[in-house]
Each structure stands twice: as C-alpha cells, then as structure tokens.
Amino acid sequence: MAFVGKKFPNLSVNAMNDMGDTFKLNVLEEAQKNNKKVVLFWYPKDFTFVCPTELHAFQAAIGEFEKRNTIVIGASCDTPEVHFAWLSTAKDNGGIEGVKYPILADSNRNLASTLGILDITNEKYDEENDVVTVEGDNVTYRATYIIDEDGVVQHESINNMPLGRNVNEYLRIVDALTHVQEKGEVCPANWEEGKDAMSANRDGVASYLSTHAN
C-alpha cells in the first residue's frame, strides 16, 4: 500500500537516542507539532554492513537537513537496548557512535507492518498444527519517507537490502518540495536548487522544453 498523498500513520513507537533514553515518538506528531518536514529512513538490522554507512551518512548531512527545516529519524525493528549498544560502539568497530538523531525501535513491528515494508514472503497457515509460517527475516527493507509539515507523505521509496541510499537525493527532494510549496511551480526531471522550474500548465511545459535541451 502506497502512502504518498496520505497522512503518515498516527502511531507512537519506542525510540532511542544517543544518551540511552527510551521514549515514545510519533512521526506524524513530530511533523505537525514542530511544523517541520521529516525524513524517516528504515534499515534492516543493527550491527550489520550497509546499515552503519547509511546512518553515518545521514548524520554527516544533519546540518543540511536542519537548514531545510527537516527532522531526520532512523528506524528498524531492533529493540531500544540493541540500538543503544550500537550507538555506544565506535565507528572503527562497525558501530554508529556519533549518531545524534533518534532511532525508532519498532520491535513489535506495528508501524513497519502498517507501512507494509517487512521482508515477509510465502505466508502459510498449517491448519493441522494451527501455525502460521513465513519466509524472510521479518525485518524492514530500506524504506524512506519524506513527510511534510502537515504530516502528509510526499515521497516514499524502498530499496532491497544490498542497495544503500544516496542521502543527497533526499536533500534534493526536500528542496524540490520546498520550492513547490513556496513558488507554486513544479520541478522537472533532474531539478536541483537554483535551476529553473516550470508552471504546471501546457504553456509552462512548452516554454521549459523549448529552452532546456535534454
């Protein structure tokens, strides 16, 4: 189920910060009450391989997101305690020490299930033993959501496990969303901050295409 154009689910989830505090975090409320955009990115597991590179990459760009009035939140289905253990592990030992943004600990999978981003296939019911079995690790794919100040999902994407994300692309999408909000124009292919956008009508696209070569 796609959530683009819809309000993000109104669910509170356990979260962990770098100080070792476990608290409830509601992504929808974070956007609305702070009047900020939110970039929420899910990753499969703590203490794995591609995952720490992504968490450090988002941390390295945190100042750029903050300049854009945007909150960054990480998320997986690990417990808060495992998150804190990873947050307390040095980078040169595969850890994410230095990451400052909150990380959701959706260990009961309520939010991930609602979003439909869990690695589950071939669900089967064994009637004789009254047991449901699935294939897959029951952890999340690399799903990313960009949510506006009203709590509406404006971007949703999902990578498979081996495919790390490009953090700069999410900065570009936030820039494009802000441009649309402030200027009322739409952003064409490969648009970046400072480039021409276009009016959302026939004349607008004709004018843009006539002056911009592929």
Protein backbone atom coordinates (compact mmCIF):
# COMPACT_ATOMS: atom_id res chain seq x y z
CA MET A 1 0.00 0.00 0.00
CA ALA A 2 1.42 3.37 -1.02
CA PHE A 3 1.20 6.24 1.47
CA VAL A 4 2.11 9.09 -0.87
CA GLY A 5 -0.57 11.77 -0.63
CA LYS A 6 -1.88 10.34 2.64
CA LYS A 7 -1.24 11.24 6.28
CA PHE A 8 1.55 9.21 7.84
CA PRO A 9 0.16 6.60 10.28
CA ASN A 10 -0.67 8.06 13.69
CA LEU A 11 1.29 5.56 15.80
CA SER A 12 3.64 6.08 18.73
CA VAL A 13 6.72 3.86 18.72
CA ASN A 14 9.57 3.31 21.17
CA ALA A 15 12.71 5.22 20.23
CA MET A 16 16.27 5.55 21.49
CA ASN A 17 18.71 8.47 21.46
CA ASP A 18 22.46 8.65 21.90
CA MET A 19 22.05 9.40 25.63
CA GLY A 20 20.46 6.00 26.25
CA ASP A 21 16.93 7.36 26.81
CA THR A 22 13.97 5.28 25.64
CA PHE A 23 10.91 7.36 24.80
CA LYS A 24 7.77 7.30 22.67
CA LEU A 25 7.96 9.01 19.29
CA ASN A 26 5.09 9.68 16.90
CA VAL A 27 6.39 10.65 13.46
CA LEU A 28 3.12 12.32 12.42
CA GLU A 29 3.11 14.45 15.56
CA GLU A 30 6.78 15.37 15.12
CA ALA A 31 5.97 16.90 11.74
CA GLN A 32 2.80 18.65 12.82
CA LYS A 33 3.74 19.97 16.25
CA ASN A 34 7.16 21.22 15.13
CA ASN A 35 5.94 22.49 11.75
CA LYS A 36 8.86 20.68 10.12
CA LYS A 37 9.41 18.19 7.36
CA VAL A 38 10.54 14.72 8.41
CA VAL A 39 12.85 12.28 6.64
CA LEU A 40 12.21 8.83 8.09
CA PHE A 41 14.53 6.08 6.88
CA TRP A 42 14.23 2.40 7.76
CA TYR A 43 17.10 -0.07 7.65
CA PRO A 44 17.10 -3.86 8.21
CA LYS A 45 19.27 -4.58 11.26
CA ASP A 46 21.71 -3.09 13.75
CA PHE A 47 25.26 -4.44 13.73
CA THR A 48 25.20 -5.26 10.03
CA PHE A 49 27.07 -3.98 6.98
CA VAL A 50 25.43 -1.44 4.67
CA CYS A 51 23.32 -0.10 7.53
CA PRO A 52 26.01 1.77 9.52
CA THR A 53 27.23 3.51 6.36
CA GLU A 54 23.74 4.92 5.87
CA LEU A 55 23.30 6.05 9.47
CA HIS A 56 26.66 7.84 9.39
CA ALA A 57 25.80 9.40 6.01
CA PHE A 58 22.55 10.85 7.36
CA GLN A 59 24.42 12.14 10.42
CA ALA A 60 27.05 13.79 8.20
CA ALA A 61 24.23 15.62 6.39
CA ILE A 62 22.23 16.51 9.50
CA GLY A 63 23.20 20.20 9.31
CA GLU A 64 21.91 20.38 5.73
CA PHE A 65 18.59 18.86 6.75
CA GLU A 66 18.32 21.24 9.70
CA LYS A 67 18.90 24.21 7.38
CA ARG A 68 15.92 22.93 5.42
CA ASN A 69 13.66 22.78 8.49
CA THR A 70 13.76 18.99 8.35
CA ILE A 71 13.98 16.37 11.10
CA VAL A 72 15.85 13.09 10.46
CA ILE A 73 14.63 9.89 12.15
CA GLY A 74 16.11 6.41 11.68
CA ALA A 75 14.16 3.21 12.27
CA SER A 76 14.44 -0.55 12.46
CA CYS A 77 12.79 -3.44 14.28
CA ASP A 78 15.63 -3.84 16.80
CA THR A 79 14.96 -3.16 20.48
CA PRO A 80 15.97 0.10 22.18
CA GLU A 81 18.66 -1.75 24.11
CA VAL A 82 20.27 -3.06 20.92
CA HIS A 83 20.12 0.43 19.42
CA PHE A 84 21.95 1.85 22.43
CA ALA A 85 24.58 -0.89 22.26
CA TRP A 86 25.21 0.02 18.62
CA LEU A 87 25.20 3.74 19.41
CA SER A 88 27.86 3.02 22.04
CA THR A 89 30.08 1.12 19.59
CA ALA A 90 32.90 3.04 17.89
CA LYS A 91 32.80 3.62 14.16
CA ASP A 92 36.09 1.76 13.66
CA ASN A 93 34.45 -1.28 15.21
CA GLY A 94 31.38 -1.18 12.98
CA GLY A 95 29.29 0.98 15.32
CA ILE A 96 27.30 4.19 14.98
CA GLU A 97 28.83 6.20 17.81
CA GLY A 98 28.29 9.87 16.97
CA VAL A 99 24.80 9.48 15.52
CA LYS A 100 22.60 12.06 17.28
CA TYR A 101 19.15 11.77 15.70
CA PRO A 102 16.53 9.43 17.26
CA ILE A 103 16.12 5.85 16.08
CA LEU A 104 12.75 4.12 16.24
CA ALA A 105 12.74 0.69 17.87
CA ASP A 106 9.67 -0.88 16.26
CA SER A 107 10.30 -4.27 17.85
CA ASN A 108 6.61 -5.21 17.85
CA ARG A 109 6.54 -4.23 14.16
CA ASN A 110 3.29 -2.30 14.48
CA LEU A 111 4.45 0.59 12.31
CA ALA A 112 6.50 -1.46 9.85
CA SER A 113 3.53 -3.80 9.33
CA THR A 114 1.20 -0.86 8.76
CA LEU A 115 3.61 0.54 6.16
CA GLY A 116 3.97 -2.88 4.50
CA ILE A 117 7.78 -2.78 4.38
CA LEU A 118 8.68 -6.06 6.10
CA ASP A 119 10.68 -8.79 4.38
CA ILE A 120 7.97 -11.45 4.55
CA THR A 121 7.02 -13.87 1.77
CA ASN A 122 5.09 -17.10 1.35
CA GLU A 123 2.92 -16.76 4.43
CA LYS A 124 1.32 -20.16 5.05
CA TYR A 125 -1.19 -21.48 7.54
CA ASP A 126 -0.66 -25.04 8.77
CA GLU A 127 -4.22 -25.99 9.70
CA GLU A 128 -3.21 -29.27 11.31
CA ASN A 129 -0.81 -27.60 13.75
CA ASP A 130 -2.55 -24.19 13.84
CA VAL A 131 0.73 -22.46 12.98
CA VAL A 132 1.45 -19.60 10.57
CA THR A 133 4.89 -19.65 8.96
CA VAL A 134 6.61 -17.12 6.71
CA GLU A 135 9.79 -16.89 4.70
CA GLY A 136 12.10 -13.92 5.10
CA ASP A 137 13.76 -12.27 8.08
CA ASN A 138 10.69 -10.20 9.12
CA VAL A 139 12.86 -7.07 9.13
CA THR A 140 12.35 -3.95 7.04
CA TYR A 141 13.62 -3.13 3.62
CA ARG A 142 15.43 0.21 3.14
CA ALA A 143 12.24 2.28 3.02
CA THR A 144 12.37 6.09 3.07
CA TYR A 145 9.56 8.58 3.67
CA ILE A 146 9.56 12.36 3.29
CA ILE A 147 6.67 13.88 5.24
CA ASP A 148 5.55 17.49 5.04
CA GLU A 149 4.63 19.88 7.84
CA ASP A 150 1.01 18.70 7.75
CA GLY A 151 2.04 15.07 8.18
CA VAL A 152 1.34 14.13 4.56
CA VAL A 153 3.74 11.71 2.85
CA GLN A 154 5.28 13.42 -0.18
CA HIS A 155 7.88 10.78 -1.06
CA GLU A 156 8.14 7.04 -0.49
CA SER A 157 10.82 4.69 -1.80
CA ILE A 158 12.03 1.19 -0.97
CA ASN A 159 15.43 -0.36 -1.67
CA ASN A 160 16.24 -4.03 -1.28
CA MET A 161 18.73 -5.00 1.41
CA PRO A 162 22.06 -4.70 -0.51
CA LEU A 163 21.30 -1.28 -2.03
CA GLY A 164 22.46 1.68 0.05
CA ARG A 165 20.80 5.05 -0.37
CA ASN A 166 22.15 8.35 -1.69
CA VAL A 167 21.47 10.90 1.06
CA ASN A 168 21.94 13.80 -1.37
CA GLU A 169 18.86 12.66 -3.28
CA TYR A 170 16.69 13.19 -0.19
CA LEU A 171 18.12 16.68 0.24
CA ARG A 172 17.22 17.32 -3.40
CA ILE A 173 13.66 16.07 -2.87
CA VAL A 174 13.26 18.25 0.23
CA ASP A 175 14.49 21.22 -1.82
CA ALA A 176 12.01 20.40 -4.59
CA LEU A 177 9.14 20.05 -2.13
CA THR A 178 10.01 23.40 -0.55
CA HIS A 179 10.17 25.04 -3.97
CA VAL A 180 6.72 23.70 -4.86
CA GLN A 181 5.34 24.91 -1.53
CA GLU A 182 6.86 28.39 -1.77
CA LYS A 183 6.80 29.14 -5.50
CA GLY A 184 3.79 27.18 -6.72
CA GLU A 185 5.88 25.79 -9.59
CA VAL A 186 6.58 22.15 -10.33
CA CYS A 187 10.07 20.65 -10.57
CA PRO A 188 11.09 18.87 -13.80
CA ALA A 189 13.42 15.91 -14.20
CA ASN A 190 16.87 16.33 -12.64
CA TRP A 191 15.84 19.60 -10.99
CA GLU A 192 18.20 20.96 -8.32
CA GLU A 193 18.06 24.08 -6.15
CA GLY A 194 18.82 27.12 -8.29
CA LYS A 195 17.70 25.54 -11.58
CA ASP A 196 14.58 26.55 -13.50
CA ALA A 197 11.26 25.06 -12.51
CA MET A 198 8.07 25.32 -14.54
CA SER A 199 4.42 26.32 -14.40
CA ALA A 200 2.06 23.36 -14.17
CA ASN A 201 0.23 24.01 -17.43
CA ARG A 202 0.58 23.46 -21.16
CA ASP A 203 2.37 26.75 -21.77
CA GLY A 204 4.73 26.08 -18.88
CA VAL A 205 5.93 22.74 -20.20
CA ALA A 206 6.19 24.08 -23.76
CA SER A 207 8.29 27.02 -22.59
CA TYR A 208 10.54 24.81 -20.46
CA LEU A 209 11.13 22.20 -23.17
CA SER A 210 11.86 24.86 -25.77
CA THR A 211 14.65 26.38 -23.68
CA HIS A 212 16.17 23.33 -22.00
CA ALA A 213 17.94 20.71 -24.07
CA ASN A 214 17.97 17.13 -22.81
